[in-house]
Amino acid sequence: MNIKIIDSKISDVELREVAKDFYGEMVKGVVDVEREILAMGGEYHMDANVVLIENGSKGSDIWGFNWYFDKDGDERIEYISLINIRPGQGNRAMEVQDADLRDRMKNIILKRLQ
C-alpha cells in the first residue's frame, strides 16, 4: 500500500502515482492540523491515519478528507471520512462540521497539494 507523508509541496504527478493504487480520480487523505502535514493514499482514511500516528501525530489532531483531481476550486476537497466521527470533539458526523476547522484543513491541504 502506497501511503505518502507530505510535509512540503507535492506535484500533481507524484500524487496521482499514490492515487492509482485504489481510486485513480481521487485519493484519500488525512491532515494533522497541528503539525501541518498530510498523509495521502490507502484504501481507507484509517490507513493514512495510522501512518501519521506512527510518525508522532496525535489522533485528536488528524482529520480525514478526499481530494478529487478533476474538480475545480473548493470542490476538490471533500471533508468526509469515518474517522471524523468524534462526538467527544463535537463532530457527530462523517463530515467536518466546524467551519473554522475546515478552513484550517483547507489551508494546509492547499499549501501541500496545489
N, C-alpha and C. Protein backbone atom coordinates (compact mmCIF):
# COMPACT_ATOMS: atom_id res chain seq x y z
N MET A 1 0.86 -1.18 0.00
CA MET A 1 0.00 0.00 0.00
C MET A 1 0.90 1.23 0.00
N ASN A 2 0.61 2.14 -0.90
CA ASN A 2 1.42 3.34 -1.07
C ASN A 2 0.79 4.51 -0.32
N ILE A 3 1.30 4.82 0.86
CA ILE A 3 0.85 5.98 1.63
C ILE A 3 2.05 6.90 1.78
N LYS A 4 1.82 8.14 1.46
CA LYS A 4 2.92 9.11 1.45
C LYS A 4 2.65 10.21 2.47
N ILE A 5 3.62 10.45 3.35
CA ILE A 5 3.55 11.60 4.25
C ILE A 5 4.05 12.81 3.48
N ILE A 6 3.29 13.88 3.55
CA ILE A 6 3.61 15.08 2.79
C ILE A 6 3.80 16.24 3.75
N ASP A 7 5.03 16.73 3.83
CA ASP A 7 5.33 17.87 4.70
C ASP A 7 5.87 19.06 3.91
N SER A 8 5.83 18.93 2.59
CA SER A 8 6.17 20.04 1.69
C SER A 8 5.34 19.84 0.42
N LYS A 9 5.42 20.79 -0.47
CA LYS A 9 4.61 20.74 -1.69
C LYS A 9 4.90 19.47 -2.50
N ILE A 10 3.85 18.86 -3.03
CA ILE A 10 3.98 17.67 -3.86
C ILE A 10 3.36 17.97 -5.22
N SER A 11 3.93 17.42 -6.26
CA SER A 11 3.39 17.67 -7.60
C SER A 11 2.15 16.81 -7.84
N ASP A 12 1.36 17.25 -8.79
CA ASP A 12 0.16 16.52 -9.19
C ASP A 12 0.55 15.13 -9.70
N VAL A 13 1.64 15.04 -10.43
CA VAL A 13 2.11 13.77 -10.98
C VAL A 13 2.44 12.79 -9.84
N GLU A 14 3.15 13.26 -8.83
CA GLU A 14 3.50 12.41 -7.68
C GLU A 14 2.25 11.94 -6.95
N LEU A 15 1.30 12.86 -6.76
CA LEU A 15 0.09 12.50 -6.04
C LEU A 15 -0.77 11.52 -6.84
N ARG A 16 -0.83 11.69 -8.13
CA ARG A 16 -1.58 10.74 -8.97
C ARG A 16 -0.95 9.34 -8.91
N GLU A 17 0.34 9.28 -8.74
CA GLU A 17 1.02 7.98 -8.58
C GLU A 17 0.54 7.28 -7.30
N VAL A 18 0.37 8.05 -6.24
CA VAL A 18 -0.15 7.50 -4.98
C VAL A 18 -1.60 7.04 -5.17
N ALA A 19 -2.37 7.84 -5.90
CA ALA A 19 -3.81 7.57 -6.07
C ALA A 19 -4.10 6.35 -6.93
N LYS A 20 -3.20 5.98 -7.80
CA LYS A 20 -3.51 4.92 -8.77
C LYS A 20 -3.75 3.56 -8.13
N ASP A 21 -3.27 3.34 -6.92
CA ASP A 21 -3.44 2.04 -6.26
C ASP A 21 -4.90 1.69 -5.98
N PHE A 22 -5.74 2.71 -5.70
CA PHE A 22 -7.10 2.40 -5.30
C PHE A 22 -8.18 3.12 -6.10
N TYR A 23 -8.10 4.44 -6.22
CA TYR A 23 -9.24 5.16 -6.76
C TYR A 23 -8.97 5.91 -8.06
N GLY A 24 -7.75 6.28 -8.31
CA GLY A 24 -7.40 6.94 -9.57
C GLY A 24 -7.81 8.40 -9.65
N GLU A 25 -9.10 8.67 -9.78
CA GLU A 25 -9.56 10.05 -9.95
C GLU A 25 -9.64 10.81 -8.64
N MET A 26 -9.47 10.10 -7.54
CA MET A 26 -9.46 10.74 -6.22
C MET A 26 -8.50 9.98 -5.33
N VAL A 27 -8.09 10.64 -4.25
CA VAL A 27 -7.20 10.00 -3.29
C VAL A 27 -7.67 10.38 -1.89
N LYS A 28 -7.64 9.41 -1.00
CA LYS A 28 -7.99 9.68 0.39
C LYS A 28 -6.79 10.27 1.11
N GLY A 29 -7.07 11.18 2.02
CA GLY A 29 -6.00 11.80 2.77
C GLY A 29 -6.43 12.14 4.17
N VAL A 30 -5.44 12.37 5.01
CA VAL A 30 -5.67 12.88 6.36
C VAL A 30 -4.70 14.04 6.59
N VAL A 31 -5.14 14.96 7.41
CA VAL A 31 -4.33 16.13 7.72
C VAL A 31 -4.18 16.26 9.22
N ASP A 32 -2.95 16.46 9.68
CA ASP A 32 -2.67 16.78 11.08
C ASP A 32 -2.67 18.30 11.15
N VAL A 33 -3.70 18.87 11.77
CA VAL A 33 -3.87 20.32 11.77
C VAL A 33 -2.88 21.03 12.69
N GLU A 34 -2.24 20.32 13.59
CA GLU A 34 -1.24 20.92 14.46
C GLU A 34 0.14 20.89 13.82
N ARG A 35 0.52 19.77 13.26
CA ARG A 35 1.84 19.63 12.64
C ARG A 35 1.86 20.12 11.19
N GLU A 36 0.67 20.36 10.63
CA GLU A 36 0.50 20.84 9.26
C GLU A 36 1.14 19.91 8.23
N ILE A 37 0.86 18.62 8.40
CA ILE A 37 1.32 17.61 7.44
C ILE A 37 0.14 16.77 6.99
N LEU A 38 0.32 16.10 5.87
CA LEU A 38 -0.70 15.22 5.31
C LEU A 38 -0.14 13.82 5.19
N ALA A 39 -1.04 12.85 5.14
CA ALA A 39 -0.71 11.51 4.68
C ALA A 39 -1.75 11.19 3.62
N MET A 40 -1.29 10.77 2.45
CA MET A 40 -2.17 10.54 1.32
C MET A 40 -2.02 9.11 0.85
N GLY A 41 -3.16 8.51 0.47
CA GLY A 41 -3.15 7.17 -0.08
C GLY A 41 -3.83 6.17 0.84
N GLY A 42 -3.90 4.95 0.37
CA GLY A 42 -4.56 3.89 1.11
C GLY A 42 -5.98 3.68 0.64
N GLU A 43 -6.52 2.55 1.02
CA GLU A 43 -7.90 2.25 0.66
C GLU A 43 -8.88 2.98 1.57
N TYR A 44 -8.50 3.13 2.83
CA TYR A 44 -9.34 3.78 3.84
C TYR A 44 -8.57 4.93 4.48
N HIS A 45 -9.29 5.92 4.97
CA HIS A 45 -8.64 7.02 5.68
C HIS A 45 -7.84 6.50 6.88
N MET A 46 -8.33 5.45 7.50
CA MET A 46 -7.64 4.90 8.67
C MET A 46 -6.23 4.43 8.32
N ASP A 47 -6.01 3.98 7.10
CA ASP A 47 -4.67 3.55 6.70
C ASP A 47 -3.67 4.71 6.84
N ALA A 48 -4.03 5.87 6.31
CA ALA A 48 -3.16 7.04 6.40
C ALA A 48 -3.12 7.58 7.82
N ASN A 49 -4.23 7.47 8.54
CA ASN A 49 -4.30 7.90 9.93
C ASN A 49 -3.25 7.16 10.77
N VAL A 50 -3.18 5.86 10.59
CA VAL A 50 -2.22 5.04 11.34
C VAL A 50 -0.79 5.46 11.03
N VAL A 51 -0.51 5.76 9.76
CA VAL A 51 0.84 6.17 9.38
C VAL A 51 1.24 7.47 10.09
N LEU A 52 0.32 8.44 10.16
CA LEU A 52 0.65 9.68 10.86
C LEU A 52 0.85 9.46 12.36
N ILE A 53 0.01 8.63 12.96
CA ILE A 53 0.16 8.35 14.39
C ILE A 53 1.50 7.68 14.66
N GLU A 54 1.88 6.75 13.80
CA GLU A 54 3.17 6.08 13.95
C GLU A 54 4.34 7.05 13.77
N ASN A 55 4.07 8.19 13.15
CA ASN A 55 5.10 9.20 12.94
C ASN A 55 4.94 10.41 13.86
N GLY A 56 4.26 10.22 14.99
CA GLY A 56 4.23 11.24 16.02
C GLY A 56 3.01 12.12 16.12
N SER A 57 2.03 11.94 15.27
CA SER A 57 0.82 12.75 15.36
C SER A 57 -0.11 12.22 16.44
N LYS A 58 -0.96 13.10 16.97
CA LYS A 58 -1.99 12.71 17.93
C LYS A 58 -3.30 12.51 17.17
N GLY A 59 -4.02 11.46 17.50
CA GLY A 59 -5.26 11.15 16.82
C GLY A 59 -6.26 12.30 16.83
N SER A 60 -6.29 13.06 17.91
CA SER A 60 -7.25 14.16 18.02
C SER A 60 -6.95 15.31 17.06
N ASP A 61 -5.74 15.33 16.48
CA ASP A 61 -5.35 16.39 15.55
C ASP A 61 -5.52 15.99 14.09
N ILE A 62 -5.89 14.74 13.83
CA ILE A 62 -5.94 14.21 12.47
C ILE A 62 -7.39 14.15 11.98
N TRP A 63 -7.62 14.70 10.80
CA TRP A 63 -8.95 14.72 10.20
C TRP A 63 -8.87 14.22 8.76
N GLY A 64 -9.91 13.51 8.34
CA GLY A 64 -9.92 12.90 7.01
C GLY A 64 -10.60 13.75 5.95
N PHE A 65 -10.15 13.55 4.70
CA PHE A 65 -10.72 14.24 3.56
C PHE A 65 -10.46 13.43 2.30
N ASN A 66 -11.11 13.81 1.23
CA ASN A 66 -10.87 13.24 -0.10
C ASN A 66 -10.44 14.36 -1.02
N TRP A 67 -9.50 14.07 -1.92
CA TRP A 67 -9.01 15.03 -2.91
C TRP A 67 -9.38 14.52 -4.29
N TYR A 68 -10.13 15.34 -5.04
CA TYR A 68 -10.56 14.98 -6.39
C TYR A 68 -9.72 15.75 -7.40
N PHE A 69 -9.00 15.03 -8.23
CA PHE A 69 -8.08 15.65 -9.18
C PHE A 69 -8.79 16.50 -10.24
N ASP A 70 -9.92 16.04 -10.71
CA ASP A 70 -10.54 16.67 -11.88
C ASP A 70 -11.66 17.66 -11.54
N LYS A 71 -11.76 18.04 -10.28
CA LYS A 71 -12.73 19.07 -9.90
C LYS A 71 -11.99 20.39 -9.76
N ASP A 72 -12.75 21.46 -9.71
CA ASP A 72 -12.16 22.80 -9.64
C ASP A 72 -12.36 23.44 -8.27
N GLY A 73 -11.42 24.30 -7.92
CA GLY A 73 -11.55 25.11 -6.72
C GLY A 73 -11.82 24.31 -5.47
N ASP A 74 -12.72 24.83 -4.65
CA ASP A 74 -13.04 24.21 -3.37
C ASP A 74 -13.70 22.84 -3.51
N GLU A 75 -14.21 22.53 -4.70
CA GLU A 75 -14.86 21.23 -4.92
C GLU A 75 -13.87 20.07 -4.92
N ARG A 76 -12.57 20.38 -5.00
CA ARG A 76 -11.56 19.32 -4.99
C ARG A 76 -11.47 18.64 -3.63
N ILE A 77 -11.84 19.36 -2.57
CA ILE A 77 -11.72 18.82 -1.22
C ILE A 77 -13.11 18.46 -0.69
N GLU A 78 -13.22 17.22 -0.22
CA GLU A 78 -14.44 16.75 0.42
C GLU A 78 -14.06 16.37 1.85
N TYR A 79 -14.69 16.99 2.83
CA TYR A 79 -14.31 16.83 4.24
C TYR A 79 -15.08 15.69 4.90
N ILE A 80 -15.14 14.55 4.24
CA ILE A 80 -15.94 13.43 4.72
C ILE A 80 -15.06 12.20 4.94
N SER A 81 -15.19 11.61 6.13
CA SER A 81 -14.45 10.40 6.47
C SER A 81 -15.05 9.80 7.74
N LEU A 82 -15.00 8.49 7.82
CA LEU A 82 -15.45 7.83 9.05
C LEU A 82 -14.62 8.26 10.26
N ILE A 83 -13.34 8.58 10.06
CA ILE A 83 -12.51 8.96 11.20
C ILE A 83 -12.90 10.32 11.77
N ASN A 84 -13.74 11.06 11.06
CA ASN A 84 -14.18 12.37 11.53
C ASN A 84 -15.33 12.29 12.53
N ILE A 85 -15.91 11.12 12.71
CA ILE A 85 -17.00 10.97 13.68
C ILE A 85 -16.38 10.96 15.07
N ARG A 86 -16.51 12.08 15.77
CA ARG A 86 -15.89 12.25 17.09
C ARG A 86 -16.80 13.06 18.00
N PRO A 87 -17.78 12.43 18.57
CA PRO A 87 -18.68 13.18 19.46
C PRO A 87 -17.93 13.89 20.60
N GLY A 88 -16.86 13.29 21.09
CA GLY A 88 -16.09 13.89 22.17
C GLY A 88 -15.40 15.19 21.76
N GLN A 89 -15.22 15.38 20.46
CA GLN A 89 -14.62 16.61 19.94
C GLN A 89 -15.68 17.48 19.25
N GLY A 90 -16.93 17.14 19.46
CA GLY A 90 -18.02 17.95 18.93
C GLY A 90 -18.36 17.70 17.48
N ASN A 91 -17.85 16.62 16.89
CA ASN A 91 -18.16 16.30 15.50
C ASN A 91 -18.89 14.96 15.47
N ARG A 92 -20.19 15.00 15.24
CA ARG A 92 -21.02 13.81 15.31
C ARG A 92 -21.33 13.21 13.94
N ALA A 93 -20.68 13.70 12.89
CA ALA A 93 -20.96 13.24 11.53
C ALA A 93 -19.66 12.89 10.82
N MET A 94 -19.79 12.25 9.67
CA MET A 94 -18.61 11.94 8.86
C MET A 94 -17.99 13.20 8.28
N GLU A 95 -18.81 14.21 8.04
CA GLU A 95 -18.31 15.47 7.50
C GLU A 95 -17.86 16.38 8.64
N VAL A 96 -16.74 17.06 8.45
CA VAL A 96 -16.25 18.01 9.45
C VAL A 96 -17.26 19.15 9.53
N GLN A 97 -17.83 19.35 10.72
CA GLN A 97 -18.90 20.32 10.91
C GLN A 97 -18.40 21.74 11.19
N ASP A 98 -17.28 21.87 11.86
CA ASP A 98 -16.77 23.16 12.30
C ASP A 98 -16.13 23.91 11.12
N ALA A 99 -16.67 25.07 10.79
CA ALA A 99 -16.19 25.84 9.64
C ALA A 99 -14.74 26.30 9.84
N ASP A 100 -14.38 26.66 11.07
CA ASP A 100 -13.00 27.09 11.33
C ASP A 100 -12.02 25.93 11.13
N LEU A 101 -12.40 24.74 11.57
CA LEU A 101 -11.55 23.57 11.39
C LEU A 101 -11.42 23.24 9.90
N ARG A 102 -12.52 23.32 9.15
CA ARG A 102 -12.46 23.08 7.70
C ARG A 102 -11.52 24.09 7.03
N ASP A 103 -11.56 25.35 7.47
CA ASP A 103 -10.66 26.36 6.91
C ASP A 103 -9.21 26.04 7.21
N ARG A 104 -8.91 25.59 8.44
CA ARG A 104 -7.55 25.20 8.79
C ARG A 104 -7.09 24.04 7.91
N MET A 105 -7.97 23.05 7.78
CA MET A 105 -7.66 21.90 6.94
C MET A 105 -7.38 22.35 5.51
N LYS A 106 -8.26 23.16 4.97
CA LYS A 106 -8.15 23.62 3.58
C LYS A 106 -6.82 24.35 3.36
N ASN A 107 -6.46 25.24 4.26
CA ASN A 107 -5.21 26.00 4.11
C ASN A 107 -4.00 25.08 4.07
N ILE A 108 -3.97 24.08 4.92
CA ILE A 108 -2.85 23.13 4.95
C ILE A 108 -2.85 22.27 3.70
N ILE A 109 -4.02 21.76 3.33
CA ILE A 109 -4.13 20.90 2.15
C ILE A 109 -3.67 21.64 0.89
N LEU A 110 -4.17 22.85 0.71
CA LEU A 110 -3.82 23.60 -0.50
C LEU A 110 -2.35 24.01 -0.51
N LYS A 111 -1.77 24.24 0.65
CA LYS A 111 -0.34 24.57 0.73
C LYS A 111 0.51 23.41 0.26
N ARG A 112 0.03 22.18 0.47
CA ARG A 112 0.81 20.99 0.11
C ARG A 112 0.47 20.43 -1.27
N LEU A 113 -0.77 20.59 -1.72
CA LEU A 113 -1.21 19.90 -2.93
C LEU A 113 -1.38 20.78 -4.15
N GLN A 114 -1.37 22.10 -4.03
CA GLN A 114 -1.56 22.95 -5.22
C GLN A 114 -0.27 23.27 -5.90
